[in-house]
């Protein structure tokens, strides 16, 4: 919800914000897709990192903030966007400044992404751009087949973490026609599963972060255990799945294409 803490002249209350600050990686990506470039006064420290943000290329040339309240204070934003904005650690020292804020929540489905897209688009003064993006994403998704045909997949992360139902990954799996192994096993949204347990469950696919193709530590080394070598592997960049947003479509296209090869 928009919180109007600062008194504003009535004639200007509905004007689009001109100095928007993002306090969250996911908020970065919505702003880059929906706000005018000149409106964006500051993005988070991960906004221009390709391994973290699907919109890293669009963030180049924009101001990248650290994690200090002083930077926000210097900008004097007329809109702060976060998840939620007002409870961000950066904003705690500035709680009495009365900045307008837009609180977003984590998107766990495409329906959530649609809702957040419209919310951000309205807040930045570009509702038509939001509707156009929603329509584009829906067309792209409607054109995708569902090649999973009820086969079972496990989203398996470093150190043996398994992603469960009620998550964005689970939503992507269902769109591709896959069944989430975590749901079949009755696991919560995030749980641990040993290699032995995973092999015994006999999933048709393992879905992993594409960055784990390179062994960087013991956590990623376990994903290369010989016991897993015969299970078909689907690779998705973390930047496409860590946040709900336009990158959901890229992730869905890639997932469908990879599953369709089997």
Protein backbone atom coordinates (compact mmCIF):
# COMPACT_ATOMS: atom_id res chain seq x y z
CA UNK A 1 0.00 0.00 0.00
CA UNK A 2 1.10 3.57 -0.56
CA UNK A 3 1.82 5.41 2.65
CA UNK A 4 1.59 9.17 2.40
CA UNK A 5 3.60 10.25 5.42
CA UNK A 6 4.78 13.57 4.04
CA UNK A 7 2.32 16.42 3.64
CA UNK A 8 2.07 17.32 -0.02
CA UNK A 9 0.30 20.20 -1.74
CA UNK A 10 -3.03 19.04 -3.13
CA UNK A 11 -2.13 20.12 -6.65
CA UNK A 12 0.95 17.87 -6.66
CA UNK A 13 -0.32 14.85 -4.73
CA UNK A 14 -1.11 12.87 -7.87
CA UNK A 15 2.03 13.78 -9.80
CA UNK A 16 4.27 10.81 -10.68
CA UNK A 17 7.30 10.49 -8.40
CA UNK A 18 10.54 11.94 -9.75
CA UNK A 19 13.11 10.45 -7.34
CA UNK A 20 12.39 6.78 -6.71
CA UNK A 21 14.67 4.66 -4.53
CA UNK A 22 14.57 0.86 -4.46
CA UNK A 23 15.50 -1.03 -1.31
CA UNK A 24 15.13 -4.55 -2.67
CA UNK A 25 16.50 -6.59 -5.59
CA UNK A 26 12.99 -7.54 -6.70
CA UNK A 27 11.82 -3.93 -6.51
CA UNK A 28 14.79 -3.00 -8.73
CA UNK A 29 13.49 -5.20 -11.51
CA UNK A 30 9.93 -3.92 -11.38
CA UNK A 31 11.17 -0.33 -11.48
CA UNK A 32 13.50 -1.00 -14.41
CA UNK A 33 10.58 -2.47 -16.35
CA UNK A 34 7.93 0.08 -15.43
CA UNK A 35 9.40 3.44 -14.40
CA UNK A 36 10.94 6.02 -16.71
CA UNK A 37 14.69 5.84 -16.45
CA UNK A 38 14.86 9.43 -15.26
CA UNK A 39 12.58 8.63 -12.33
CA UNK A 40 14.96 6.04 -10.84
CA UNK A 41 17.25 7.76 -8.33
CA UNK A 42 18.80 4.69 -6.73
CA UNK A 43 18.87 0.89 -7.00
CA UNK A 44 20.24 -1.76 -4.65
CA UNK A 45 23.83 -2.96 -4.59
CA UNK A 46 22.94 -6.14 -6.51
CA UNK A 47 20.96 -4.42 -9.28
CA UNK A 48 23.81 -4.46 -11.82
CA UNK A 49 25.13 -7.95 -11.02
CA UNK A 50 24.09 -10.42 -13.77
CA UNK A 51 24.36 -13.41 -11.45
CA UNK A 52 21.76 -11.85 -9.15
CA UNK A 53 19.53 -9.65 -11.31
CA UNK A 54 17.81 -10.53 -14.57
CA UNK A 55 17.70 -6.79 -15.31
CA UNK A 56 21.39 -6.11 -14.67
CA UNK A 57 21.96 -4.75 -18.19
CA UNK A 58 19.16 -2.19 -17.80
CA UNK A 59 20.62 -1.06 -14.46
CA UNK A 60 23.93 0.02 -15.97
CA UNK A 61 24.41 3.76 -15.80
CA UNK A 62 21.93 4.23 -12.98
CA UNK A 63 22.95 5.05 -9.43
CA UNK A 64 23.75 1.94 -7.39
CA UNK A 65 23.36 2.42 -3.67
CA UNK A 66 25.16 0.78 -0.80
CA UNK A 67 23.17 -0.01 2.29
CA UNK A 68 23.30 3.27 4.17
CA UNK A 69 20.52 5.58 5.28
CA UNK A 70 22.75 8.56 4.46
CA UNK A 71 22.58 7.79 0.74
CA UNK A 72 18.79 7.73 0.81
CA UNK A 73 18.72 10.92 2.85
CA UNK A 74 20.94 12.67 0.28
CA UNK A 75 18.57 11.71 -2.53
CA UNK A 76 15.49 12.86 -0.59
CA UNK A 77 13.23 10.45 -2.54
CA UNK A 78 9.57 11.07 -3.20
CA UNK A 79 8.94 7.31 -3.36
CA UNK A 80 10.73 4.41 -1.68
CA UNK A 81 9.97 0.86 -2.85
CA UNK A 82 10.79 -2.25 -0.83
CA UNK A 83 9.56 -5.54 0.62
CA UNK A 84 8.30 -3.93 2.78
CA UNK A 85 9.86 -0.51 2.36
CA UNK A 86 9.23 0.97 5.78
CA UNK A 87 10.68 -1.96 7.70
CA UNK A 88 13.94 -2.04 5.73
CA UNK A 89 17.03 -1.72 7.92
CA UNK A 90 18.10 1.23 5.74
CA UNK A 91 14.87 3.07 6.53
CA UNK A 92 14.85 2.54 10.30
CA UNK A 93 16.98 5.65 11.01
CA UNK A 94 14.78 7.60 8.58
CA UNK A 95 11.41 6.52 9.92
CA UNK A 96 10.53 10.07 10.93
CA UNK A 97 11.33 11.58 7.54
CA UNK A 98 7.87 10.79 6.18
CA UNK A 99 8.96 9.41 2.81
CA UNK A 100 6.18 7.96 0.67
CA UNK A 101 6.64 4.21 0.44
CA UNK A 102 5.36 1.34 -1.64
CA UNK A 103 5.40 -2.03 0.11
CA UNK A 104 5.75 -5.09 -2.13
CA UNK A 105 5.53 -8.71 -1.11
CA UNK A 106 7.35 -11.77 -2.39
CA UNK A 107 5.75 -13.14 -5.54
CA UNK A 108 5.13 -16.88 -5.27
CA UNK A 109 3.15 -17.25 -8.52
CA UNK A 110 2.53 -15.58 -11.86
CA UNK A 111 -0.71 -14.20 -10.44
CA UNK A 112 1.36 -12.44 -7.76
CA UNK A 113 3.65 -11.03 -10.45
CA UNK A 114 0.66 -9.60 -12.31
CA UNK A 115 -0.60 -7.99 -9.10
CA UNK A 116 2.79 -6.48 -8.25
CA UNK A 117 3.32 -5.26 -11.81
CA UNK A 118 0.07 -3.32 -11.74
CA UNK A 119 0.82 -1.98 -8.27
CA UNK A 120 4.25 -0.64 -9.21
CA UNK A 121 3.06 0.70 -12.57
CA UNK A 122 0.31 2.70 -10.86
CA UNK A 123 2.68 4.03 -8.20
CA UNK A 124 5.23 5.31 -10.73
CA UNK A 125 2.54 6.87 -12.92
CA UNK A 126 2.69 4.38 -15.81
CA UNK A 127 -0.40 2.14 -15.45
CA UNK A 128 -0.69 1.63 -19.22
CA UNK A 129 2.89 0.37 -19.33
CA UNK A 130 2.00 -2.10 -16.59
CA UNK A 131 -1.01 -3.39 -18.51
CA UNK A 132 1.09 -3.74 -21.66
CA UNK A 133 3.70 -5.76 -19.78
CA UNK A 134 1.05 -8.00 -18.22
CA UNK A 135 -0.53 -8.62 -21.63
CA UNK A 136 2.86 -9.39 -23.19
CA UNK A 137 3.80 -11.85 -20.44
CA UNK A 138 0.41 -13.57 -20.66
CA UNK A 139 0.69 -13.99 -24.44
CA UNK A 140 4.16 -15.47 -24.10
CA UNK A 141 3.04 -17.92 -21.42
CA UNK A 142 -0.16 -18.90 -23.22
CA UNK A 143 1.94 -19.97 -26.21
CA UNK A 144 4.03 -22.41 -24.20
CA UNK A 145 3.29 -26.15 -24.21
CA UNK A 146 3.42 -28.28 -21.05
CA UNK A 147 5.87 -31.05 -21.98
CA UNK A 148 6.29 -32.35 -18.42
CA UNK A 149 3.29 -34.68 -18.77
CA UNK A 150 3.13 -35.26 -15.03
CA UNK A 151 6.76 -36.25 -14.65
CA UNK A 152 8.45 -35.46 -11.34
CA UNK A 153 11.13 -32.82 -10.83
CA UNK A 154 13.18 -31.74 -7.82
CA UNK A 155 14.57 -28.23 -7.52
CA UNK A 156 17.76 -29.18 -5.71
CA UNK A 157 20.07 -26.52 -4.32
CA UNK A 158 23.53 -26.44 -2.86
CA UNK A 159 23.87 -28.16 0.52
CA UNK A 160 20.88 -30.34 -0.29
CA UNK A 161 18.08 -27.80 0.02
CA UNK A 162 14.85 -28.71 -1.74
CA UNK A 163 12.29 -26.12 -2.86
CA UNK A 164 8.70 -27.03 -2.07
CA UNK A 165 5.19 -26.08 -3.05
CA UNK A 166 3.73 -22.60 -2.71
CA UNK A 167 6.84 -21.08 -4.29
CA UNK A 168 7.66 -19.42 -7.60
CA UNK A 169 9.69 -22.47 -8.63
CA UNK A 170 6.71 -24.72 -7.92
CA UNK A 171 4.50 -22.44 -10.01
CA UNK A 172 6.98 -22.70 -12.89
CA UNK A 173 7.06 -26.49 -12.59
CA UNK A 174 3.29 -26.75 -12.79
CA UNK A 175 3.23 -24.47 -15.83
CA UNK A 176 5.65 -26.85 -17.56
CA UNK A 177 3.49 -29.85 -16.64
CA UNK A 178 5.83 -31.11 -13.93
CA UNK A 179 5.08 -32.44 -10.46
CA UNK A 180 7.21 -31.08 -7.63
CA UNK A 181 8.96 -33.89 -5.76
CA UNK A 182 8.84 -31.83 -2.56
CA UNK A 183 5.05 -31.80 -2.71
CA UNK A 184 4.91 -35.52 -3.34
CA UNK A 185 7.10 -36.08 -0.28
CA UNK A 186 5.07 -33.67 1.86
CA UNK A 187 7.98 -31.29 2.39
CA UNK A 188 7.60 -27.62 3.44
CA UNK A 189 8.56 -24.75 1.11
CA UNK A 190 12.22 -25.20 2.03
CA UNK A 191 13.70 -28.41 3.41
CA UNK A 192 16.82 -30.57 3.33
CA UNK A 193 17.04 -33.81 1.39
CA UNK A 194 20.09 -36.05 1.36
CA UNK A 195 21.50 -37.40 -1.89
CA UNK A 196 20.45 -40.87 -0.79
CA UNK A 197 16.87 -39.72 -0.22
CA UNK A 198 16.80 -37.92 -3.55
CA UNK A 199 18.03 -40.94 -5.48
CA UNK A 200 15.54 -43.20 -3.67
CA UNK A 201 12.69 -40.86 -4.66
CA UNK A 202 13.63 -41.35 -8.34
CA UNK A 203 12.68 -37.96 -9.83
CA UNK A 204 12.58 -37.69 -13.61
CA UNK A 205 14.50 -34.39 -13.49
CA UNK A 206 16.71 -32.35 -11.21
CA UNK A 207 16.42 -28.59 -11.63
CA UNK A 208 19.48 -26.64 -10.49
CA UNK A 209 20.92 -23.14 -10.53
CA UNK A 210 23.03 -22.98 -13.71
CA UNK A 211 25.88 -21.42 -11.72
CA UNK A 212 26.37 -24.74 -9.92
CA UNK A 213 27.78 -26.27 -13.11
CA UNK A 214 31.08 -25.09 -11.66
CA UNK A 215 32.10 -26.60 -8.34
CA UNK A 216 32.88 -23.71 -6.03
CA UNK A 217 32.64 -25.29 -2.58
CA UNK A 218 31.34 -28.34 -0.74
CA UNK A 219 27.80 -27.10 -1.12
CA UNK A 220 27.96 -27.17 -4.91
CA UNK A 221 30.21 -30.24 -5.00
CA UNK A 222 27.40 -32.44 -3.71
CA UNK A 223 25.32 -31.57 -6.79
CA UNK A 224 27.97 -33.35 -8.84
CA UNK A 225 27.83 -36.59 -6.85
CA UNK A 226 28.10 -39.66 -9.13
CA UNK A 227 24.79 -40.96 -7.76
CA UNK A 228 23.01 -38.09 -9.53
CA UNK A 229 24.70 -38.36 -12.91
CA UNK A 230 21.93 -40.40 -14.58
CA UNK A 231 19.09 -38.05 -13.62
CA UNK A 232 18.38 -35.55 -16.42
CA UNK A 233 19.37 -32.06 -15.29
CA UNK A 234 17.55 -28.80 -16.04
CA UNK A 235 19.53 -25.59 -15.52
CA UNK A 236 18.02 -22.19 -14.75
CA UNK A 237 19.96 -19.03 -13.80
CA UNK A 238 19.30 -17.92 -10.24
CA UNK A 239 18.70 -14.40 -11.56
CA UNK A 240 15.54 -15.62 -13.32
CA UNK A 241 14.02 -17.28 -10.27
CA UNK A 242 15.19 -15.35 -7.19
CA UNK A 243 12.50 -12.72 -7.80
CA UNK A 244 9.07 -12.61 -9.29
CA UNK A 245 8.93 -10.25 -12.27
CA UNK A 246 9.31 -10.16 -16.04
CA UNK A 247 12.12 -12.75 -15.89
CA UNK A 248 9.47 -15.33 -14.97
CA UNK A 249 8.69 -15.61 -18.68
CA UNK A 250 12.33 -16.30 -19.54
CA UNK A 251 12.49 -18.98 -16.87
CA UNK A 252 9.26 -20.58 -18.10
CA UNK A 253 10.44 -20.62 -21.73
CA UNK A 254 13.77 -22.18 -20.79
CA UNK A 255 12.22 -24.76 -18.48
CA UNK A 256 9.70 -25.83 -21.12
CA UNK A 257 12.36 -26.05 -23.82
CA UNK A 258 14.70 -28.16 -21.70
CA UNK A 259 11.99 -30.54 -20.47
CA UNK A 260 10.74 -30.88 -24.04
CA UNK A 261 14.05 -32.44 -25.10
CA UNK A 262 13.28 -35.57 -23.06
